[in-house]
Amino acid sequence: MQKKIVILLILIMVLTGCTKEKPSLNIVVDGKVEPVDTEIIYNHKDAIVFPAVVRSSGAKPVETEYKGIELTKLFETLNIDITNYSKVTFNASDGYRIILNVEEITEPSNVYLTFERDGEILKSKKEGGNGPFQLIIRRDPFSQRWVKHVNEIILQ
């Protein structure tokens, strides 16, 4: 009996360790929660690779490359007109939150929702990463308002 329990426990550990968390993202428009098909983000024709410098307190700046979609292009694909709103809130699974005004988001080549860093898909917080999605504001010189683990975008 003990042998069966040990085998069962090992099987459970292997199965739970091997299952990958499915990325999720919700957009809240006029109070209505809309789940986003994340494949739209990963396979978007306008996703680009761009350089960025990651600055963390106490660490040397690190030059890196991110791949993502400019937020305005994602909203266009989802048929969301952000000019009807004044601010956008980005919530992360770890409780972090920032609010950007629409003018900053509509500034060309500035605000991106990224899903890759240095050619590798961003891992979730549970997997020890910064993803599955990370908000990068390219004109934020100290990367203080970048958001790891983005899971919700609220238009207000």
C-alpha atoms as a PDB file:
ATOM      1  CA  MET A   1       0.000   0.000   0.000  1.00  0.00           C
ATOM      2  CA  GLN A   2       2.795   2.438   0.899  1.00  0.00           C
ATOM      3  CA  LYS A   3       4.474   1.705  -2.415  1.00  0.00           C
ATOM      4  CA  LYS A   4       1.303   2.693  -4.306  1.00  0.00           C
ATOM      5  CA  ILE A   5       1.018   5.935  -2.327  1.00  0.00           C
ATOM      6  CA  VAL A   6       4.643   6.837  -3.056  1.00  0.00           C
ATOM      7  CA  ILE A   7       4.167   6.111  -6.762  1.00  0.00           C
ATOM      8  CA  LEU A   8       0.971   8.171  -6.788  1.00  0.00           C
ATOM      9  CA  LEU A   9       2.712  11.103  -5.055  1.00  0.00           C
ATOM     10  CA  ILE A  10       5.601  10.978  -7.510  1.00  0.00           C
ATOM     11  CA  LEU A  11       3.157  10.895 -10.404  1.00  0.00           C
ATOM     12  CA  ILE A  12       1.283  13.927  -9.023  1.00  0.00           C
ATOM     13  CA  MET A  13       4.549  15.841  -8.515  1.00  0.00           C
ATOM     14  CA  VAL A  14       5.706  15.070 -12.050  1.00  0.00           C
ATOM     15  CA  LEU A  15       2.378  16.033 -13.613  1.00  0.00           C
ATOM     16  CA  THR A  16       1.989  19.291 -11.702  1.00  0.00           C
ATOM     17  CA  GLY A  17       5.604  20.244 -12.348  1.00  0.00           C
ATOM     18  CA  CYS A  18       5.267  19.652 -16.073  1.00  0.00           C
ATOM     19  CA  THR A  19       2.061  21.559 -16.662  1.00  0.00           C
ATOM     20  CA  LYS A  20       2.723  25.018 -17.998  1.00  0.00           C
ATOM     21  CA  GLU A  21       0.534  27.888 -16.882  1.00  0.00           C
ATOM     22  CA  LYS A  22      -1.610  29.236 -19.734  1.00  0.00           C
ATOM     23  CA  PRO A  23      -1.069  32.984 -20.159  1.00  0.00           C
ATOM     24  CA  SER A  24      -4.125  35.134 -19.591  1.00  0.00           C
ATOM     25  CA  LEU A  25      -4.966  38.774 -20.064  1.00  0.00           C
ATOM     26  CA  ASN A  26      -8.229  40.612 -19.479  1.00  0.00           C
ATOM     27  CA  ILE A  27      -9.205  44.012 -20.806  1.00  0.00           C
ATOM     28  CA  VAL A  28     -11.927  45.866 -18.926  1.00  0.00           C
ATOM     29  CA  VAL A  29     -13.909  48.241 -21.130  1.00  0.00           C
ATOM     30  CA  ASP A  30     -16.804  50.215 -19.620  1.00  0.00           C
ATOM     31  CA  GLY A  31     -16.826  47.834 -16.666  1.00  0.00           C
ATOM     32  CA  LYS A  32     -17.123  44.735 -18.852  1.00  0.00           C
ATOM     33  CA  VAL A  33     -14.310  42.173 -18.549  1.00  0.00           C
ATOM     34  CA  GLU A  34     -13.148  40.857 -21.925  1.00  0.00           C
ATOM     35  CA  PRO A  35     -10.626  37.997 -21.961  1.00  0.00           C
ATOM     36  CA  VAL A  36      -8.032  38.394 -24.724  1.00  0.00           C
ATOM     37  CA  ASP A  37      -7.016  35.449 -26.866  1.00  0.00           C
ATOM     38  CA  THR A  38      -3.306  35.611 -26.068  1.00  0.00           C
ATOM     39  CA  GLU A  39      -2.440  33.992 -29.403  1.00  0.00           C
ATOM     40  CA  ILE A  40      -3.462  37.325 -30.966  1.00  0.00           C
ATOM     41  CA  ILE A  41      -0.590  38.923 -29.064  1.00  0.00           C
ATOM     42  CA  TYR A  42       1.994  36.191 -29.713  1.00  0.00           C
ATOM     43  CA  ASN A  43       1.196  36.025 -33.432  1.00  0.00           C
ATOM     44  CA  HIS A  44       0.425  39.687 -34.142  1.00  0.00           C
ATOM     45  CA  LYS A  45       1.770  40.837 -37.498  1.00  0.00           C
ATOM     46  CA  ASP A  46       2.991  44.108 -35.961  1.00  0.00           C
ATOM     47  CA  ALA A  47       4.965  42.533 -33.100  1.00  0.00           C
ATOM     48  CA  ILE A  48       8.527  43.825 -33.189  1.00  0.00           C
ATOM     49  CA  VAL A  49      11.860  43.224 -31.490  1.00  0.00           C
ATOM     50  CA  PHE A  50      13.391  46.338 -29.946  1.00  0.00           C
ATOM     51  CA  PRO A  51      16.341  47.159 -27.693  1.00  0.00           C
ATOM     52  CA  ALA A  52      15.833  48.274 -24.109  1.00  0.00           C
ATOM     53  CA  VAL A  53      17.994  48.855 -21.068  1.00  0.00           C
ATOM     54  CA  VAL A  54      16.823  47.209 -17.861  1.00  0.00           C
ATOM     55  CA  ARG A  55      17.734  49.225 -14.775  1.00  0.00           C
ATOM     56  CA  SER A  56      17.232  47.709 -11.346  1.00  0.00           C
ATOM     57  CA  SER A  57      18.211  49.387  -8.111  1.00  0.00           C
ATOM     58  CA  GLY A  58      21.624  48.253  -6.991  1.00  0.00           C
ATOM     59  CA  ALA A  59      22.414  46.475 -10.273  1.00  0.00           C
ATOM     60  CA  LYS A  60      24.272  47.532 -13.398  1.00  0.00           C
ATOM     61  CA  PRO A  61      22.059  48.430 -16.376  1.00  0.00           C
ATOM     62  CA  VAL A  62      21.545  45.470 -18.714  1.00  0.00           C
ATOM     63  CA  GLU A  63      21.071  45.878 -22.450  1.00  0.00           C
ATOM     64  CA  THR A  64      18.433  43.487 -23.708  1.00  0.00           C
ATOM     65  CA  GLU A  65      15.926  42.935 -26.504  1.00  0.00           C
ATOM     66  CA  TYR A  66      12.193  42.609 -26.055  1.00  0.00           C
ATOM     67  CA  LYS A  67       9.540  41.455 -28.477  1.00  0.00           C
ATOM     68  CA  GLY A  68       6.068  42.844 -28.178  1.00  0.00           C
ATOM     69  CA  ILE A  69       3.203  44.718 -29.685  1.00  0.00           C
ATOM     70  CA  GLU A  70       2.740  48.457 -29.476  1.00  0.00           C
ATOM     71  CA  LEU A  71      -0.317  48.897 -27.275  1.00  0.00           C
ATOM     72  CA  THR A  72      -2.169  51.124 -29.745  1.00  0.00           C
ATOM     73  CA  LYS A  73      -1.879  48.400 -32.408  1.00  0.00           C
ATOM     74  CA  LEU A  74      -3.207  45.786 -30.022  1.00  0.00           C
ATOM     75  CA  PHE A  75      -6.189  48.007 -29.198  1.00  0.00           C
ATOM     76  CA  GLU A  76      -6.818  48.557 -32.934  1.00  0.00           C
ATOM     77  CA  THR A  77      -6.799  44.792 -33.526  1.00  0.00           C
ATOM     78  CA  LEU A  78      -9.299  44.341 -30.692  1.00  0.00           C
ATOM     79  CA  ASN A  79     -11.492  47.165 -32.121  1.00  0.00           C
ATOM     80  CA  ILE A  80     -11.032  49.330 -29.029  1.00  0.00           C
ATOM     81  CA  ASP A  81     -10.947  53.103 -29.583  1.00  0.00           C
ATOM     82  CA  ILE A  82      -8.860  54.386 -26.685  1.00  0.00           C
ATOM     83  CA  THR A  83      -9.464  58.028 -27.615  1.00  0.00           C
ATOM     84  CA  ASN A  84     -12.795  57.665 -25.785  1.00  0.00           C
ATOM     85  CA  TYR A  85     -10.887  57.245 -22.500  1.00  0.00           C
ATOM     86  CA  SER A  86      -8.535  59.442 -20.505  1.00  0.00           C
ATOM     87  CA  LYS A  87      -6.475  56.880 -18.601  1.00  0.00           C
ATOM     88  CA  VAL A  88      -5.513  53.234 -18.708  1.00  0.00           C
ATOM     89  CA  THR A  89      -4.715  51.132 -15.638  1.00  0.00           C
ATOM     90  CA  PHE A  90      -2.355  48.178 -15.826  1.00  0.00           C
ATOM     91  CA  ASN A  91      -2.703  45.567 -13.088  1.00  0.00           C
ATOM     92  CA  ALA A  92      -0.197  42.823 -12.375  1.00  0.00           C
ATOM     93  CA  SER A  93      -0.742  39.455 -10.744  1.00  0.00           C
ATOM     94  CA  ASP A  94       1.591  40.489  -7.906  1.00  0.00           C
ATOM     95  CA  GLY A  95      -0.624  43.470  -6.995  1.00  0.00           C
ATOM     96  CA  TYR A  96       1.469  46.167  -8.696  1.00  0.00           C
ATOM     97  CA  ARG A  97      -0.496  48.770 -10.644  1.00  0.00           C
ATOM     98  CA  ILE A  98       0.217  51.856 -12.716  1.00  0.00           C
ATOM     99  CA  ILE A  99      -2.017  54.323 -14.507  1.00  0.00           C
ATOM    100  CA  LEU A 100      -1.011  55.964 -17.790  1.00  0.00           C
ATOM    101  CA  ASN A 101      -2.785  58.750 -19.603  1.00  0.00           C
ATOM    102  CA  VAL A 102      -3.969  58.033 -23.128  1.00  0.00           C
ATOM    103  CA  GLU A 103      -1.626  60.667 -24.594  1.00  0.00           C
ATOM    104  CA  GLU A 104       1.409  58.721 -23.378  1.00  0.00           C
ATOM    105  CA  ILE A 105       0.032  55.473 -24.799  1.00  0.00           C
ATOM    106  CA  THR A 106      -0.726  57.018 -28.187  1.00  0.00           C
ATOM    107  CA  GLU A 107       2.773  58.502 -28.444  1.00  0.00           C
ATOM    108  CA  PRO A 108       4.322  56.541 -31.350  1.00  0.00           C
ATOM    109  CA  SER A 109       6.743  53.705 -30.490  1.00  0.00           C
ATOM    110  CA  ASN A 110       6.442  54.243 -26.742  1.00  0.00           C
ATOM    111  CA  VAL A 111       4.229  51.748 -24.873  1.00  0.00           C
ATOM    112  CA  TYR A 112       4.531  48.021 -25.605  1.00  0.00           C
ATOM    113  CA  LEU A 113       3.051  44.850 -24.208  1.00  0.00           C
ATOM    114  CA  THR A 114       5.964  42.415 -24.455  1.00  0.00           C
ATOM    115  CA  PHE A 115       6.053  38.631 -24.382  1.00  0.00           C
ATOM    116  CA  GLU A 116       9.696  37.785 -25.181  1.00  0.00           C
ATOM    117  CA  ARG A 117      13.054  38.847 -23.797  1.00  0.00           C
ATOM    118  CA  ASP A 118      16.277  38.021 -25.623  1.00  0.00           C
ATOM    119  CA  GLY A 119      14.431  35.572 -27.862  1.00  0.00           C
ATOM    120  CA  GLU A 120      12.754  33.605 -25.074  1.00  0.00           C
ATOM    121  CA  ILE A 121       9.072  33.669 -24.116  1.00  0.00           C
ATOM    122  CA  LEU A 122       8.581  35.462 -20.795  1.00  0.00           C
ATOM    123  CA  LYS A 123       7.856  33.044 -17.974  1.00  0.00           C
ATOM    124  CA  SER A 124       5.160  33.679 -15.388  1.00  0.00           C
ATOM    125  CA  LYS A 125       5.938  34.798 -11.854  1.00  0.00           C
ATOM    126  CA  LYS A 126       5.232  31.252 -10.676  1.00  0.00           C
ATOM    127  CA  GLU A 127       7.913  30.037 -13.102  1.00  0.00           C
ATOM    128  CA  GLY A 128      10.397  32.693 -11.883  1.00  0.00           C
ATOM    129  CA  GLY A 129       9.955  35.137 -14.761  1.00  0.00           C
ATOM    130  CA  ASN A 130       8.585  38.615 -15.494  1.00  0.00           C
ATOM    131  CA  GLY A 131       5.666  37.511 -17.660  1.00  0.00           C
ATOM    132  CA  PRO A 132       3.721  36.191 -19.258  1.00  0.00           C
ATOM    133  CA  PHE A 133       3.339  39.836 -20.310  1.00  0.00           C
ATOM    134  CA  GLN A 134       5.414  42.853 -19.351  1.00  0.00           C
ATOM    135  CA  LEU A 135       4.561  46.471 -20.041  1.00  0.00           C
ATOM    136  CA  ILE A 136       7.557  48.426 -21.359  1.00  0.00           C
ATOM    137  CA  ILE A 137       7.486  52.198 -21.634  1.00  0.00           C
ATOM    138  CA  ARG A 138      10.390  53.005 -23.906  1.00  0.00           C
ATOM    139  CA  ARG A 139      10.568  56.672 -22.956  1.00  0.00           C
ATOM    140  CA  ASP A 140      10.787  55.864 -19.240  1.00  0.00           C
ATOM    141  CA  PRO A 141      14.556  56.396 -18.851  1.00  0.00           C
ATOM    142  CA  PHE A 142      14.858  54.508 -15.569  1.00  0.00           C
ATOM    143  CA  SER A 143      12.273  51.758 -16.291  1.00  0.00           C
ATOM    144  CA  GLN A 144      10.531  52.648 -13.028  1.00  0.00           C
ATOM    145  CA  ARG A 145       7.031  52.297 -14.451  1.00  0.00           C
ATOM    146  CA  TRP A 146       7.552  49.049 -16.302  1.00  0.00           C
ATOM    147  CA  VAL A 147       5.080  46.417 -15.131  1.00  0.00           C
ATOM    148  CA  LYS A 148       5.895  42.719 -14.833  1.00  0.00           C
ATOM    149  CA  HIS A 149       3.153  40.056 -14.736  1.00  0.00           C
ATOM    150  CA  VAL A 150       0.488  42.192 -16.500  1.00  0.00           C
ATOM    151  CA  ASN A 151      -2.835  40.355 -16.342  1.00  0.00           C
ATOM    152  CA  GLU A 152      -5.408  43.131 -16.648  1.00  0.00           C
ATOM    153  CA  ILE A 153      -5.817  46.398 -18.562  1.00  0.00           C
ATOM    154  CA  ILE A 154      -8.630  48.751 -17.540  1.00  0.00           C
ATOM    155  CA  LEU A 155      -9.794  51.590 -19.783  1.00  0.00           C
ATOM    156  CA  GLN A 156     -11.289  54.540 -17.856  1.00  0.00           C
END
